[in-house]
Amino acid sequence: MAQARTMEYQITRQLLRRREGRGRARGARLGVERLISGVAVVAAVVVLGSVFQELLWALLAGAVVLTLGTNSAR
C-alpha cells in the first residue's frame, strides 16, 4: 500500500509540474500575442493615415472640380 501511495504522489507531482510549465508557456505566448497585436495596430494606423491623407486630397480636388463645374454652368 505504501508503494501505491508513493507512485500516486510521484504521478501527482509530475502532473502539477506539467501544468505549471504550461502556465509559463501561456504567459510567454500571451506576451508574444500582445506584441503582434501592437505591431498590427501600429501598421494599420500608418497605412490608414497615409490612405486617408490621399483620400482627403482627392475629396478636395473633387470638390474644386464640382464647384468650378457648377459655377460655369450658370
PDB file of N, CA and C in Angstrom:
ATOM      1  N   MET A   1       0.814  -1.190   0.000  1.00  0.00           N
ATOM      2  CA  MET A   1       0.000   0.000   0.000  1.00  0.00           C
ATOM      3  C   MET A   1       0.859   1.256   0.000  1.00  0.00           C
ATOM      4  N   ALA A   2       1.978   1.225   0.675  1.00  0.00           N
ATOM      5  CA  ALA A   2       2.859   2.380   0.744  1.00  0.00           C
ATOM      6  C   ALA A   2       3.464   2.687  -0.629  1.00  0.00           C
ATOM      7  N   GLN A   3       3.758   1.623  -1.386  1.00  0.00           N
ATOM      8  CA  GLN A   3       4.314   1.827  -2.734  1.00  0.00           C
ATOM      9  C   GLN A   3       3.283   2.485  -3.650  1.00  0.00           C
ATOM     10  N   ALA A   4       2.036   2.083  -3.520  1.00  0.00           N
ATOM     11  CA  ALA A   4       0.972   2.672  -4.347  1.00  0.00           C
ATOM     12  C   ALA A   4       0.826   4.154  -4.025  1.00  0.00           C
ATOM     13  N   ARG A   5       0.903   4.501  -2.759  1.00  0.00           N
ATOM     14  CA  ARG A   5       0.805   5.915  -2.384  1.00  0.00           C
ATOM     15  C   ARG A   5       2.004   6.699  -2.907  1.00  0.00           C
ATOM     16  N   THR A   6       3.182   6.098  -2.840  1.00  0.00           N
ATOM     17  CA  THR A   6       4.381   6.771  -3.339  1.00  0.00           C
ATOM     18  C   THR A   6       4.264   7.016  -4.840  1.00  0.00           C
ATOM     19  N   MET A   7       3.791   6.004  -5.584  1.00  0.00           N
ATOM     20  CA  MET A   7       3.618   6.170  -7.033  1.00  0.00           C
ATOM     21  C   MET A   7       2.557   7.236  -7.326  1.00  0.00           C
ATOM     22  N   GLU A   8       1.475   7.182  -6.572  1.00  0.00           N
ATOM     23  CA  GLU A   8       0.414   8.178  -6.762  1.00  0.00           C
ATOM     24  C   GLU A   8       0.943   9.593  -6.504  1.00  0.00           C
ATOM     25  N   TYR A   9       1.743   9.746  -5.460  1.00  0.00           N
ATOM     26  CA  TYR A   9       2.334  11.038  -5.131  1.00  0.00           C
ATOM     27  C   TYR A   9       3.253  11.511  -6.256  1.00  0.00           C
ATOM     28  N   GLN A  10       4.077  10.605  -6.793  1.00  0.00           N
ATOM     29  CA  GLN A  10       5.000  10.970  -7.877  1.00  0.00           C
ATOM     30  C   GLN A  10       4.237  11.376  -9.137  1.00  0.00           C
ATOM     31  N   ILE A  11       3.190  10.624  -9.450  1.00  0.00           N
ATOM     32  CA  ILE A  11       2.394  10.957 -10.637  1.00  0.00           C
ATOM     33  C   ILE A  11       1.723  12.318 -10.458  1.00  0.00           C
ATOM     34  N   THR A  12       1.195  12.552  -9.259  1.00  0.00           N
ATOM     35  CA  THR A  12       0.555  13.841  -8.991  1.00  0.00           C
ATOM     36  C   THR A  12       1.549  14.979  -9.109  1.00  0.00           C
ATOM     37  N   ARG A  13       2.749  14.814  -8.590  1.00  0.00           N
ATOM     38  CA  ARG A  13       3.781  15.847  -8.679  1.00  0.00           C
ATOM     39  C   ARG A  13       4.163  16.106 -10.136  1.00  0.00           C
ATOM     40  N   GLN A  14       4.289  15.049 -10.930  1.00  0.00           N
ATOM     41  CA  GLN A  14       4.636  15.213 -12.348  1.00  0.00           C
ATOM     42  C   GLN A  14       3.548  15.986 -13.091  1.00  0.00           C
ATOM     43  N   LEU A  15       2.300  15.649 -12.801  1.00  0.00           N
ATOM     44  CA  LEU A  15       1.190  16.355 -13.448  1.00  0.00           C
ATOM     45  C   LEU A  15       1.164  17.828 -13.054  1.00  0.00           C
ATOM     46  N   LEU A  16       1.435  18.111 -11.787  1.00  0.00           N
ATOM     47  CA  LEU A  16       1.465  19.504 -11.343  1.00  0.00           C
ATOM     48  C   LEU A  16       2.609  20.271 -12.000  1.00  0.00           C
ATOM     49  N   ARG A  17       3.763  19.622 -12.165  1.00  0.00           N
ATOM     50  CA  ARG A  17       4.893  20.278 -12.851  1.00  0.00           C
ATOM     51  C   ARG A  17       4.546  20.590 -14.301  1.00  0.00           C
ATOM     52  N   ARG A  18       3.884  19.637 -14.948  1.00  0.00           N
ATOM     53  CA  ARG A  18       3.490  19.874 -16.347  1.00  0.00           C
ATOM     54  C   ARG A  18       2.522  21.050 -16.447  1.00  0.00           C
ATOM     55  N   ARG A  19       1.574  21.085 -15.514  1.00  0.00           N
ATOM     56  CA  ARG A  19       0.597  22.170 -15.522  1.00  0.00           C
ATOM     57  C   ARG A  19       1.279  23.520 -15.293  1.00  0.00           C
ATOM     58  N   GLU A  20       2.250  23.567 -14.382  1.00  0.00           N
ATOM     59  CA  GLU A  20       2.988  24.806 -14.142  1.00  0.00           C
ATOM     60  C   GLU A  20       3.775  25.212 -15.379  1.00  0.00           C
ATOM     61  N   GLY A  21       4.339  24.248 -16.083  1.00  0.00           N
ATOM     62  CA  GLY A  21       5.076  24.536 -17.317  1.00  0.00           C
ATOM     63  C   GLY A  21       4.176  25.135 -18.378  1.00  0.00           C
ATOM     64  N   ARG A  22       2.954  24.613 -18.457  1.00  0.00           N
ATOM     65  CA  ARG A  22       2.007  25.169 -19.431  1.00  0.00           C
ATOM     66  C   ARG A  22       1.627  26.592 -19.065  1.00  0.00           C
ATOM     67  N   GLY A  23       1.495  26.863 -17.780  1.00  0.00           N
ATOM     68  CA  GLY A  23       1.151  28.218 -17.339  1.00  0.00           C
ATOM     69  C   GLY A  23       2.231  29.207 -17.729  1.00  0.00           C
ATOM     70  N   ARG A  24       3.489  28.820 -17.606  1.00  0.00           N
ATOM     71  CA  ARG A  24       4.587  29.704 -18.015  1.00  0.00           C
ATOM     72  C   ARG A  24       4.578  29.893 -19.524  1.00  0.00           C
ATOM     73  N   ALA A  25       4.314  28.796 -20.257  1.00  0.00           N
ATOM     74  CA  ALA A  25       4.270  28.898 -21.716  1.00  0.00           C
ATOM     75  C   ALA A  25       3.123  29.799 -22.155  1.00  0.00           C
ATOM     76  N   ARG A  26       1.994  29.712 -21.462  1.00  0.00           N
ATOM     77  CA  ARG A  26       0.862  30.585 -21.806  1.00  0.00           C
ATOM     78  C   ARG A  26       1.200  32.044 -21.555  1.00  0.00           C
ATOM     79  N   GLY A  27       1.919  32.300 -20.467  1.00  0.00           N
ATOM     80  CA  GLY A  27       2.320  33.674 -20.166  1.00  0.00           C
ATOM     81  C   GLY A  27       3.236  34.227 -21.240  1.00  0.00           C
ATOM     82  N   ALA A  28       4.181  33.416 -21.703  1.00  0.00           N
ATOM     83  CA  ALA A  28       5.084  33.847 -22.771  1.00  0.00           C
ATOM     84  C   ALA A  28       4.310  34.025 -24.076  1.00  0.00           C
ATOM     85  N   ARG A  29       3.387  33.117 -24.329  1.00  0.00           N
ATOM     86  CA  ARG A  29       2.591  33.193 -25.556  1.00  0.00           C
ATOM     87  C   ARG A  29       1.716  34.446 -25.535  1.00  0.00           C
ATOM     88  N   LEU A  30       1.194  34.780 -24.360  1.00  0.00           N
ATOM     89  CA  LEU A  30       0.357  35.974 -24.228  1.00  0.00           C
ATOM     90  C   LEU A  30       1.178  37.228 -24.525  1.00  0.00           C
ATOM     91  N   GLY A  31       2.413  37.269 -24.065  1.00  0.00           N
ATOM     92  CA  GLY A  31       3.284  38.407 -24.352  1.00  0.00           C
ATOM     93  C   GLY A  31       3.560  38.546 -25.838  1.00  0.00           C
ATOM     94  N   VAL A  32       3.801  37.417 -26.499  1.00  0.00           N
ATOM     95  CA  VAL A  32       4.053  37.440 -27.944  1.00  0.00           C
ATOM     96  C   VAL A  32       2.804  37.884 -28.686  1.00  0.00           C
ATOM     97  N   GLU A  33       1.640  37.396 -28.257  1.00  0.00           N
ATOM     98  CA  GLU A  33       0.390  37.806 -28.913  1.00  0.00           C
ATOM     99  C   GLU A  33       0.143  39.301 -28.735  1.00  0.00           C
ATOM    100  N   ARG A  34       0.460  39.834 -27.562  1.00  0.00           N
ATOM    101  CA  ARG A  34       0.307  41.274 -27.353  1.00  0.00           C
ATOM    102  C   ARG A  34       1.257  42.058 -28.246  1.00  0.00           C
ATOM    103  N   LEU A  35       2.477  41.569 -28.407  1.00  0.00           N
ATOM    104  CA  LEU A  35       3.445  42.240 -29.273  1.00  0.00           C
ATOM    105  C   LEU A  35       2.957  42.250 -30.716  1.00  0.00           C
ATOM    106  N   ILE A  36       2.471  41.118 -31.186  1.00  0.00           N
ATOM    107  CA  ILE A  36       1.961  41.028 -32.558  1.00  0.00           C
ATOM    108  C   ILE A  36       0.764  41.946 -32.743  1.00  0.00           C
ATOM    109  N   SER A  37      -0.130  41.971 -31.759  1.00  0.00           N
ATOM    110  CA  SER A  37      -1.302  42.852 -31.849  1.00  0.00           C
ATOM    111  C   SER A  37      -0.879  44.318 -31.887  1.00  0.00           C
ATOM    112  N   GLY A  38       0.091  44.679 -31.077  1.00  0.00           N
ATOM    113  CA  GLY A  38       0.577  46.056 -31.069  1.00  0.00           C
ATOM    114  C   GLY A  38       1.188  46.460 -32.396  1.00  0.00           C
ATOM    115  N   VAL A  39       1.993  45.570 -32.967  1.00  0.00           N
ATOM    116  CA  VAL A  39       2.606  45.859 -34.266  1.00  0.00           C
ATOM    117  C   VAL A  39       1.532  45.974 -35.346  1.00  0.00           C
ATOM    118  N   ALA A  40       0.511  45.119 -35.282  1.00  0.00           N
ATOM    119  CA  ALA A  40      -0.574  45.182 -36.267  1.00  0.00           C
ATOM    120  C   ALA A  40      -1.346  46.490 -36.156  1.00  0.00           C
ATOM    121  N   VAL A  41      -1.591  46.944 -34.948  1.00  0.00           N
ATOM    122  CA  VAL A  41      -2.316  48.204 -34.758  1.00  0.00           C
ATOM    123  C   VAL A  41      -1.499  49.382 -35.279  1.00  0.00           C
ATOM    124  N   VAL A  42      -0.206  49.392 -34.989  1.00  0.00           N
ATOM    125  CA  VAL A  42       0.652  50.476 -35.470  1.00  0.00           C
ATOM    126  C   VAL A  42       0.695  50.480 -36.996  1.00  0.00           C
ATOM    127  N   ALA A  43       0.820  49.299 -37.596  1.00  0.00           N
ATOM    128  CA  ALA A  43       0.849  49.211 -39.063  1.00  0.00           C
ATOM    129  C   ALA A  43      -0.474  49.696 -39.657  1.00  0.00           C
ATOM    130  N   ALA A  44      -1.588  49.321 -39.035  1.00  0.00           N
ATOM    131  CA  ALA A  44      -2.889  49.756 -39.538  1.00  0.00           C
ATOM    132  C   ALA A  44      -3.039  51.267 -39.443  1.00  0.00           C
ATOM    133  N   VAL A  45      -2.575  51.846 -38.348  1.00  0.00           N
ATOM    134  CA  VAL A  45      -2.667  53.306 -38.194  1.00  0.00           C
ATOM    135  C   VAL A  45      -1.816  54.010 -39.243  1.00  0.00           C
ATOM    136  N   VAL A  46      -0.622  53.496 -39.497  1.00  0.00           N
ATOM    137  CA  VAL A  46       0.248  54.118 -40.502  1.00  0.00           C
ATOM    138  C   VAL A  46      -0.370  54.016 -41.891  1.00  0.00           C
ATOM    139  N   VAL A  47      -0.868  52.833 -42.230  1.00  0.00           N
ATOM    140  CA  VAL A  47      -1.460  52.646 -43.563  1.00  0.00           C
ATOM    141  C   VAL A  47      -2.714  53.492 -43.716  1.00  0.00           C
ATOM    142  N   LEU A  48      -3.601  53.437 -42.734  1.00  0.00           N
ATOM    143  CA  LEU A  48      -4.831  54.225 -42.835  1.00  0.00           C
ATOM    144  C   LEU A  48      -4.546  55.717 -42.811  1.00  0.00           C
ATOM    145  N   GLY A  49      -3.553  56.130 -42.052  1.00  0.00           N
ATOM    146  CA  GLY A  49      -3.186  57.542 -42.037  1.00  0.00           C
ATOM    147  C   GLY A  49      -2.723  58.016 -43.401  1.00  0.00           C
ATOM    148  N   SER A  50      -1.941  57.197 -44.072  1.00  0.00           N
ATOM    149  CA  SER A  50      -1.477  57.603 -45.403  1.00  0.00           C
ATOM    150  C   SER A  50      -2.611  57.531 -46.421  1.00  0.00           C
ATOM    151  N   VAL A  51      -3.488  56.550 -46.298  1.00  0.00           N
ATOM    152  CA  VAL A  51      -4.612  56.430 -47.226  1.00  0.00           C
ATOM    153  C   VAL A  51      -5.592  57.573 -47.022  1.00  0.00           C
ATOM    154  N   PHE A  52      -5.916  57.899 -45.777  1.00  0.00           N
ATOM    155  CA  PHE A  52      -6.866  58.970 -45.529  1.00  0.00           C
ATOM    156  C   PHE A  52      -6.333  60.311 -45.993  1.00  0.00           C
ATOM    157  N   GLN A  53      -5.026  60.494 -45.910  1.00  0.00           N
ATOM    158  CA  GLN A  53      -4.451  61.735 -46.409  1.00  0.00           C
ATOM    159  C   GLN A  53      -4.688  61.843 -47.910  1.00  0.00           C
ATOM    160  N   GLU A  54      -4.467  60.761 -48.629  1.00  0.00           N
ATOM    161  CA  GLU A  54      -4.705  60.773 -50.073  1.00  0.00           C
ATOM    162  C   GLU A  54      -6.187  60.942 -50.381  1.00  0.00           C
ATOM    163  N   LEU A  55      -7.027  60.318 -49.607  1.00  0.00           N
ATOM    164  CA  LEU A  55      -8.463  60.469 -49.824  1.00  0.00           C
ATOM    165  C   LEU A  55      -8.925  61.897 -49.555  1.00  0.00           C
ATOM    166  N   LEU A  56      -8.321  62.547 -48.581  1.00  0.00           N
ATOM    167  CA  LEU A  56      -8.656  63.932 -48.299  1.00  0.00           C
ATOM    168  C   LEU A  56      -8.316  64.821 -49.487  1.00  0.00           C
ATOM    169  N   TRP A  57      -7.130  64.618 -50.071  1.00  0.00           N
ATOM    170  CA  TRP A  57      -6.740  65.413 -51.238  1.00  0.00           C
ATOM    171  C   TRP A  57      -7.650  65.122 -52.431  1.00  0.00           C
ATOM    172  N   ALA A  58      -8.033  63.849 -52.598  1.00  0.00           N
ATOM    173  CA  ALA A  58      -8.940  63.501 -53.699  1.00  0.00           C
ATOM    174  C   ALA A  58     -10.314  64.139 -53.492  1.00  0.00           C
ATOM    175  N   LEU A  59     -10.787  64.136 -52.261  1.00  0.00           N
ATOM    176  CA  LEU A  59     -12.066  64.770 -51.951  1.00  0.00           C
ATOM    177  C   LEU A  59     -12.010  66.276 -52.196  1.00  0.00           C
ATOM    178  N   LEU A  60     -10.908  66.888 -51.803  1.00  0.00           N
ATOM    179  CA  LEU A  60     -10.737  68.317 -52.021  1.00  0.00           C
ATOM    180  C   LEU A  60     -10.692  68.639 -53.518  1.00  0.00           C
ATOM    181  N   ALA A  61      -9.965  67.831 -54.279  1.00  0.00           N
ATOM    182  CA  ALA A  61      -9.894  68.050 -55.737  1.00  0.00           C
ATOM    183  C   ALA A  61     -11.267  67.850 -56.373  1.00  0.00           C
ATOM    184  N   GLY A  62     -11.998  66.833 -55.923  1.00  0.00           N
ATOM    185  CA  GLY A  62     -13.350  66.608 -56.449  1.00  0.00           C
ATOM    186  C   GLY A  62     -14.272  67.761 -56.119  1.00  0.00           C
ATOM    187  N   ALA A  63     -14.132  68.311 -54.920  1.00  0.00           N
ATOM    188  CA  ALA A  63     -14.966  69.448 -54.543  1.00  0.00           C
ATOM    189  C   ALA A  63     -14.644  70.667 -55.394  1.00  0.00           C
ATOM    190  N   VAL A  64     -13.354  70.878 -55.678  1.00  0.00           N
ATOM    191  CA  VAL A  64     -12.957  72.017 -56.526  1.00  0.00           C
ATOM    192  C   VAL A  64     -13.522  71.843 -57.920  1.00  0.00           C
ATOM    193  N   VAL A  65     -13.404  70.651 -58.488  1.00  0.00           N
ATOM    194  CA  VAL A  65     -13.925  70.397 -59.837  1.00  0.00           C
ATOM    195  C   VAL A  65     -15.438  70.564 -59.857  1.00  0.00           C
ATOM    196  N   LEU A  66     -16.110  70.051 -58.851  1.00  0.00           N
ATOM    197  CA  LEU A  66     -17.563  70.179 -58.786  1.00  0.00           C
ATOM    198  C   LEU A  66     -17.979  71.643 -58.654  1.00  0.00           C
ATOM    199  N   THR A  67     -17.249  72.392 -57.836  1.00  0.00           N
ATOM    200  CA  THR A  67     -17.554  73.810 -57.654  1.00  0.00           C
ATOM    201  C   THR A  67     -17.325  74.588 -58.942  1.00  0.00           C
ATOM    202  N   LEU A  68     -16.211  74.330 -59.595  1.00  0.00           N
ATOM    203  CA  LEU A  68     -15.926  75.038 -60.861  1.00  0.00           C
ATOM    204  C   LEU A  68     -16.940  74.633 -61.941  1.00  0.00           C
ATOM    205  N   GLY A  69     -17.336  73.380 -61.937  1.00  0.00           N
ATOM    206  CA  GLY A  69     -18.308  72.927 -62.945  1.00  0.00           C
ATOM    207  C   GLY A  69     -19.682  73.536 -62.733  1.00  0.00           C
ATOM    208  N   THR A  70     -20.121  73.668 -61.500  1.00  0.00           N
ATOM    209  CA  THR A  70     -21.441  74.234 -61.243  1.00  0.00           C
ATOM    210  C   THR A  70     -21.445  75.745 -61.399  1.00  0.00           C
ATOM    211  N   ASN A  71     -20.312  76.411 -61.129  1.00  0.00           N
ATOM    212  CA  ASN A  71     -20.249  77.869 -61.308  1.00  0.00           C
ATOM    213  C   ASN A  71     -20.224  78.240 -62.777  1.00  0.00           C
ATOM    214  N   SER A  72     -19.601  77.434 -63.591  1.00  0.00           N
ATOM    215  CA  SER A  72     -19.509  77.791 -65.007  1.00  0.00           C
ATOM    216  C   SER A  72     -20.820  77.501 -65.730  1.00  0.00           C
ATOM    217  N   ALA A  73     -21.685  76.692 -65.169  1.00  0.00           N
ATOM    218  CA  ALA A  73     -22.967  76.360 -65.802  1.00  0.00           C
ATOM    219  C   ALA A  73     -23.965  77.509 -65.672  1.00  0.00           C
ATOM    220  N   ARG A  74     -23.759  78.404 -64.764  1.00  0.00           N
ATOM    221  CA  ARG A  74     -24.716  79.499 -64.553  1.00  0.00           C
ATOM    222  C   ARG A  74     -24.582  80.506 -65.600  1.00  0.00           C
TER     223      ARG A  74
END
